[in-house]
Amino acid sequence: MRPGRAERAERLAPFFEVQLRFAARMSELTGRPLGEAAMHYTHIHRRLALGIPGFVPVSDAWRAYAARIEGAADVAGQVAATKAAYIAAADEVWPLSGQFGAGCFAHEPPKPDGSVKIHFYNLDTDDVGGPLASAKLERRRADLTALTRHIVETHPDAERIVGRSWLYNLEAYRRLFPPDYAASRVPASTPVHLTGTSSWGQLIDSREQVRSDVRDTLIARLPELDPDAPWRVFPFQLFEVEAPVESFRRHFGV
């Protein structure tokens, strides 16, 4: 057993629990086995460093994990199985393969339409605070400056930068960006995938402690969960944002 990994598994246990309760409700509503529901509607598959569901084959490690949670007597047993699987799993790697990272931010390669999607990772939490702390504002702007420079220099055909996350609910996050990018936010217009942190990230703070108010609201809403739009029970909905690359270039002096 890796001591640091075991400690982190204990810290993440409440986060795993709410996801397993969500998966159980989806299993109940759709008839899918619990393991399948957990794969497609929670962040657990990726927390176990098994990749993005739908883009990688189903592994033997996941099949074994799914069998354990489906055979567990209750949610406590499911959480215990998840902690054990997490301790045994490989370390998570950020940014994801194929992304370019700069501090807490990363971007995907441009899509054919010229859009470049950016991502945020919790990679700067210490005694000063989390990555969005006021004291770290200049660090995050330096990250975005480096990210913008890489896009401009490496992808001259990129036309606009786009984002899609619950984080755009937060002024502490929006203030990092060009004004027109932050002001462009609109509710997500297409189905929201629930295998990453774009929705699930709102359940934990920068120190990976569960936000009890968000957790309690989500669990209270599970009886009204719509299996065709399960993301709608999350307290913070996703926003989509975008602005021309030129806006970022001007804002960050690139």
Protein backbone atom coordinates (compact mmCIF):
# COMPACT_ATOMS: atom_id res chain seq x y z
CA MET A 1 0.00 0.00 0.00
CA ARG A 2 1.29 3.47 -0.89
CA PRO A 3 0.84 5.65 2.24
CA GLY A 4 0.28 8.90 0.34
CA ARG A 5 -2.19 7.25 -2.00
CA ALA A 6 -4.05 5.65 0.91
CA GLU A 7 -4.35 9.00 2.67
CA ARG A 8 -5.70 10.59 -0.48
CA ALA A 9 -8.20 7.73 -0.94
CA GLU A 10 -9.57 8.46 2.54
CA ARG A 11 -9.84 12.15 1.69
CA LEU A 12 -11.68 11.38 -1.55
CA ALA A 13 -14.02 8.78 -0.01
CA PRO A 14 -16.96 11.22 0.44
CA PHE A 15 -16.46 12.35 -3.18
CA PHE A 16 -16.60 8.72 -4.32
CA GLU A 17 -19.71 8.13 -2.21
CA VAL A 18 -21.82 10.84 -3.81
CA GLN A 19 -20.80 9.64 -7.27
CA LEU A 20 -21.74 6.07 -6.40
CA ARG A 21 -25.13 7.24 -5.13
CA PHE A 22 -25.60 9.12 -8.41
CA ALA A 23 -24.58 6.01 -10.40
CA ALA A 24 -26.99 3.85 -8.39
CA ARG A 25 -29.85 6.22 -9.22
CA MET A 26 -28.91 6.15 -12.92
CA SER A 27 -28.73 2.36 -12.75
CA GLU A 28 -32.19 2.26 -11.20
CA LEU A 29 -33.66 4.54 -13.87
CA THR A 30 -31.95 3.05 -16.92
CA GLY A 31 -31.58 -0.61 -16.05
CA ARG A 32 -27.85 -0.44 -16.68
CA PRO A 33 -25.61 -2.40 -14.29
CA LEU A 34 -24.06 -0.24 -11.57
CA GLY A 35 -20.55 -0.63 -13.02
CA GLU A 36 -21.71 0.58 -16.41
CA ALA A 37 -23.55 3.53 -14.88
CA ALA A 38 -20.46 4.43 -12.84
CA MET A 39 -18.33 4.35 -15.99
CA HIS A 40 -20.56 6.65 -18.01
CA TYR A 41 -21.94 9.05 -15.39
CA THR A 42 -19.17 9.54 -12.83
CA HIS A 43 -15.54 10.66 -12.69
CA ILE A 44 -14.38 7.38 -11.13
CA HIS A 45 -13.07 5.73 -14.31
CA ARG A 46 -10.75 8.67 -14.89
CA ARG A 47 -9.81 8.91 -11.19
CA LEU A 48 -8.56 5.34 -11.55
CA ALA A 49 -6.33 6.55 -14.42
CA LEU A 50 -8.17 4.32 -16.91
CA GLY A 51 -8.80 7.01 -19.51
CA ILE A 52 -11.89 8.66 -20.94
CA PRO A 53 -14.79 6.20 -21.36
CA GLY A 54 -15.71 5.81 -24.99
CA PHE A 55 -12.18 6.64 -26.13
CA VAL A 56 -10.44 3.65 -24.57
CA PRO A 57 -11.38 -0.05 -24.42
CA VAL A 58 -13.00 -1.34 -21.25
CA SER A 59 -10.10 -2.70 -19.21
CA ASP A 60 -9.84 -5.79 -17.05
CA ALA A 61 -9.14 -3.46 -14.13
CA TRP A 62 -12.48 -1.74 -14.62
CA ARG A 63 -14.33 -5.04 -15.05
CA ALA A 64 -12.88 -6.26 -11.76
CA TYR A 65 -13.81 -3.01 -10.03
CA ALA A 66 -17.34 -3.09 -11.48
CA ALA A 67 -17.83 -6.63 -10.20
CA ARG A 68 -16.73 -5.56 -6.73
CA ILE A 69 -19.12 -2.62 -6.44
CA GLU A 70 -21.99 -4.63 -7.93
CA GLY A 71 -21.32 -7.36 -5.38
CA ALA A 72 -21.07 -4.98 -2.42
CA ALA A 73 -23.80 -5.18 0.19
CA ASP A 74 -24.28 -1.42 0.48
CA VAL A 75 -22.83 1.94 -0.47
CA ALA A 76 -20.24 1.66 2.31
CA GLY A 77 -18.95 -1.51 0.67
CA GLN A 78 -18.92 0.22 -2.70
CA VAL A 79 -16.89 3.10 -1.27
CA ALA A 80 -14.44 0.64 0.31
CA ALA A 81 -14.01 -1.11 -3.05
CA THR A 82 -13.45 2.24 -4.75
CA LYS A 83 -10.82 3.30 -2.22
CA ALA A 84 -9.00 -0.01 -2.70
CA ALA A 85 -9.09 0.37 -6.48
CA TYR A 86 -7.84 3.95 -6.19
CA ILE A 87 -4.92 2.95 -3.98
CA ALA A 88 -3.90 0.27 -6.47
CA ALA A 89 -4.34 2.49 -9.54
CA ALA A 90 -1.66 4.40 -11.38
CA ASP A 91 -1.20 8.07 -10.52
CA GLU A 92 -3.32 10.51 -12.48
CA VAL A 93 -1.40 12.61 -14.99
CA TRP A 94 -2.30 16.20 -15.87
CA PRO A 95 -2.62 17.61 -18.41
CA LEU A 96 -4.08 14.75 -20.41
CA SER A 97 -2.21 13.21 -23.30
CA GLY A 98 -2.33 15.46 -26.36
CA GLN A 99 -2.88 18.64 -24.35
CA PHE A 100 -0.36 21.43 -23.87
CA GLY A 101 -0.08 22.55 -20.26
CA ALA A 102 0.92 25.86 -18.71
CA GLY A 103 0.60 25.88 -14.92
CA CYS A 104 -3.00 25.14 -13.99
CA PHE A 105 -4.26 25.48 -17.57
CA ALA A 106 -4.04 23.33 -20.68
CA HIS A 107 -5.43 23.43 -24.18
CA GLU A 108 -6.43 20.81 -26.72
CA PRO A 109 -5.23 20.94 -30.31
CA PRO A 110 -7.44 23.14 -32.52
CA LYS A 111 -10.52 21.55 -33.99
CA PRO A 112 -11.27 21.81 -37.73
CA ASP A 113 -13.51 24.83 -37.05
CA GLY A 114 -10.57 26.74 -35.56
CA SER A 115 -11.68 26.48 -31.94
CA VAL A 116 -9.23 25.68 -29.15
CA LYS A 117 -10.71 24.28 -25.94
CA ILE A 118 -9.01 25.11 -22.65
CA HIS A 119 -9.05 23.20 -19.37
CA PHE A 120 -8.26 24.03 -15.75
CA TYR A 121 -6.52 21.72 -13.28
CA ASN A 122 -6.10 22.05 -9.51
CA LEU A 123 -2.29 22.03 -9.48
CA ASP A 124 -1.43 24.89 -7.11
CA THR A 125 -2.87 24.42 -3.63
CA ASP A 126 -0.64 25.21 -0.66
CA ASP A 127 -0.63 27.15 2.61
CA VAL A 128 -1.45 30.35 0.71
CA GLY A 129 -4.66 28.86 -0.66
CA GLY A 130 -6.09 27.20 -3.74
CA PRO A 131 -5.23 28.05 -7.35
CA LEU A 132 -7.94 30.73 -7.54
CA ALA A 133 -6.87 32.56 -4.38
CA SER A 134 -6.46 36.32 -4.80
CA ALA A 135 -2.78 36.01 -3.86
CA LYS A 136 -2.28 33.78 -6.89
CA LEU A 137 -4.02 35.97 -9.43
CA GLU A 138 -0.78 36.90 -11.18
CA ARG A 139 0.30 33.26 -11.33
CA ARG A 140 -2.86 32.29 -13.13
CA ARG A 141 -2.55 35.23 -15.52
CA ALA A 142 1.02 34.14 -16.22
CA ASP A 143 -0.31 30.65 -16.98
CA LEU A 144 -2.84 32.07 -19.43
CA THR A 145 -0.22 34.30 -21.01
CA ALA A 146 1.98 31.26 -21.65
CA LEU A 147 -0.99 29.29 -22.95
CA THR A 148 -2.01 32.08 -25.30
CA ARG A 149 1.56 32.46 -26.57
CA HIS A 150 1.72 28.74 -27.32
CA ILE A 151 -1.56 28.86 -29.24
CA VAL A 152 -0.51 31.90 -31.26
CA GLU A 153 2.96 30.56 -32.09
CA THR A 154 2.08 26.90 -32.60
CA HIS A 155 -1.39 27.09 -34.11
CA PRO A 156 -1.58 30.19 -36.33
CA ASP A 157 -4.85 28.96 -37.86
CA ALA A 158 -6.61 28.90 -34.46
CA GLU A 159 -9.50 31.38 -34.50
CA ARG A 160 -11.11 31.31 -31.07
CA ILE A 161 -10.67 29.97 -27.59
CA VAL A 162 -13.56 28.13 -25.96
CA GLY A 163 -14.35 26.78 -22.52
CA ARG A 164 -17.07 24.64 -20.95
CA SER A 165 -17.19 24.23 -17.19
CA TRP A 166 -19.07 24.86 -13.97
CA LEU A 167 -16.18 27.14 -12.99
CA TYR A 168 -17.60 29.98 -15.07
CA ASN A 169 -20.16 30.41 -12.28
CA LEU A 170 -17.33 31.84 -10.17
CA GLU A 171 -16.15 35.43 -10.37
CA ALA A 172 -12.79 34.27 -9.00
CA TYR A 173 -12.39 32.24 -12.19
CA ARG A 174 -13.98 34.62 -14.70
CA ARG A 175 -11.74 37.50 -13.60
CA LEU A 176 -8.72 35.69 -15.03
CA PHE A 177 -9.90 36.06 -18.62
CA PRO A 178 -10.45 38.78 -21.21
CA PRO A 179 -13.72 40.63 -20.46
CA ASP A 180 -15.44 39.57 -23.68
CA TYR A 181 -14.62 35.90 -22.99
CA ALA A 182 -16.03 36.03 -19.45
CA ALA A 183 -19.09 37.99 -20.60
CA SER A 184 -19.91 35.49 -23.35
CA ARG A 185 -21.03 32.75 -20.96
CA VAL A 186 -24.24 30.97 -21.82
CA PRO A 187 -25.71 27.73 -20.45
CA ALA A 188 -24.38 24.61 -22.17
CA SER A 189 -26.30 24.06 -25.37
CA THR A 190 -25.44 20.37 -25.89
CA PRO A 191 -25.55 17.31 -23.60
CA VAL A 192 -23.07 17.42 -20.73
CA HIS A 193 -20.72 14.47 -20.31
CA LEU A 194 -20.26 13.47 -16.68
CA THR A 195 -16.98 11.55 -16.79
CA GLY A 196 -14.74 14.53 -16.03
CA THR A 197 -14.60 17.44 -13.62
CA SER A 198 -16.51 19.98 -15.70
CA SER A 199 -19.53 19.13 -13.50
CA TRP A 200 -18.15 16.86 -10.76
CA GLY A 201 -15.44 19.36 -9.84
CA GLN A 202 -17.97 21.50 -8.00
CA LEU A 203 -18.31 18.78 -5.34
CA ILE A 204 -14.82 19.30 -3.89
CA ASP A 205 -12.67 22.27 -2.96
CA SER A 206 -9.04 22.80 -3.88
CA ARG A 207 -7.96 20.56 -0.97
CA GLU A 208 -10.26 17.78 -2.19
CA GLN A 209 -12.68 18.19 0.71
CA VAL A 210 -16.31 17.67 -0.22
CA ARG A 211 -18.40 20.83 -0.26
CA SER A 212 -21.21 19.69 2.00
CA ASP A 213 -23.76 22.19 0.70
CA VAL A 214 -23.23 21.14 -2.93
CA ARG A 215 -23.23 17.45 -1.99
CA ASP A 216 -26.41 17.74 0.07
CA THR A 217 -28.23 19.63 -2.68
CA LEU A 218 -27.22 17.10 -5.32
CA ILE A 219 -28.27 14.12 -3.20
CA ALA A 220 -31.59 15.79 -2.35
CA ARG A 221 -32.28 16.18 -6.06
CA LEU A 222 -31.58 12.55 -7.00
CA PRO A 223 -35.26 11.54 -6.77
CA GLU A 224 -36.04 14.04 -9.56
CA LEU A 225 -33.06 13.02 -11.73
CA ASP A 226 -33.93 12.84 -15.44
CA PRO A 227 -31.89 10.03 -17.04
CA ASP A 228 -32.00 11.87 -20.36
CA ALA A 229 -30.45 14.98 -18.83
CA PRO A 230 -28.80 13.88 -15.57
CA TRP A 231 -26.54 16.93 -15.39
CA ARG A 232 -29.48 19.15 -14.56
CA VAL A 233 -29.54 18.02 -10.91
CA PHE A 234 -26.12 19.59 -10.27
CA PRO A 235 -26.34 22.83 -8.27
CA PHE A 236 -23.95 24.65 -10.62
CA GLN A 237 -24.74 24.19 -14.28
CA LEU A 238 -22.14 24.31 -17.06
CA PHE A 239 -21.49 27.47 -18.99
CA GLU A 240 -19.97 27.72 -22.44
CA VAL A 241 -17.71 30.67 -23.24
CA GLU A 242 -15.69 31.81 -26.21
CA ALA A 243 -13.72 34.72 -27.61
CA PRO A 244 -11.36 35.27 -30.54
CA VAL A 245 -7.74 34.30 -30.03
CA GLU A 246 -7.01 37.95 -30.77
CA SER A 247 -8.85 38.97 -27.59
CA PHE A 248 -6.54 36.76 -25.54
CA ARG A 249 -3.50 38.00 -27.43
CA ARG A 250 -4.34 41.63 -26.69
CA HIS A 251 -5.41 41.03 -23.10
CA PHE A 252 -2.23 39.16 -22.18
CA GLY A 253 0.13 41.23 -24.32
CA VAL A 254 1.23 38.37 -26.54
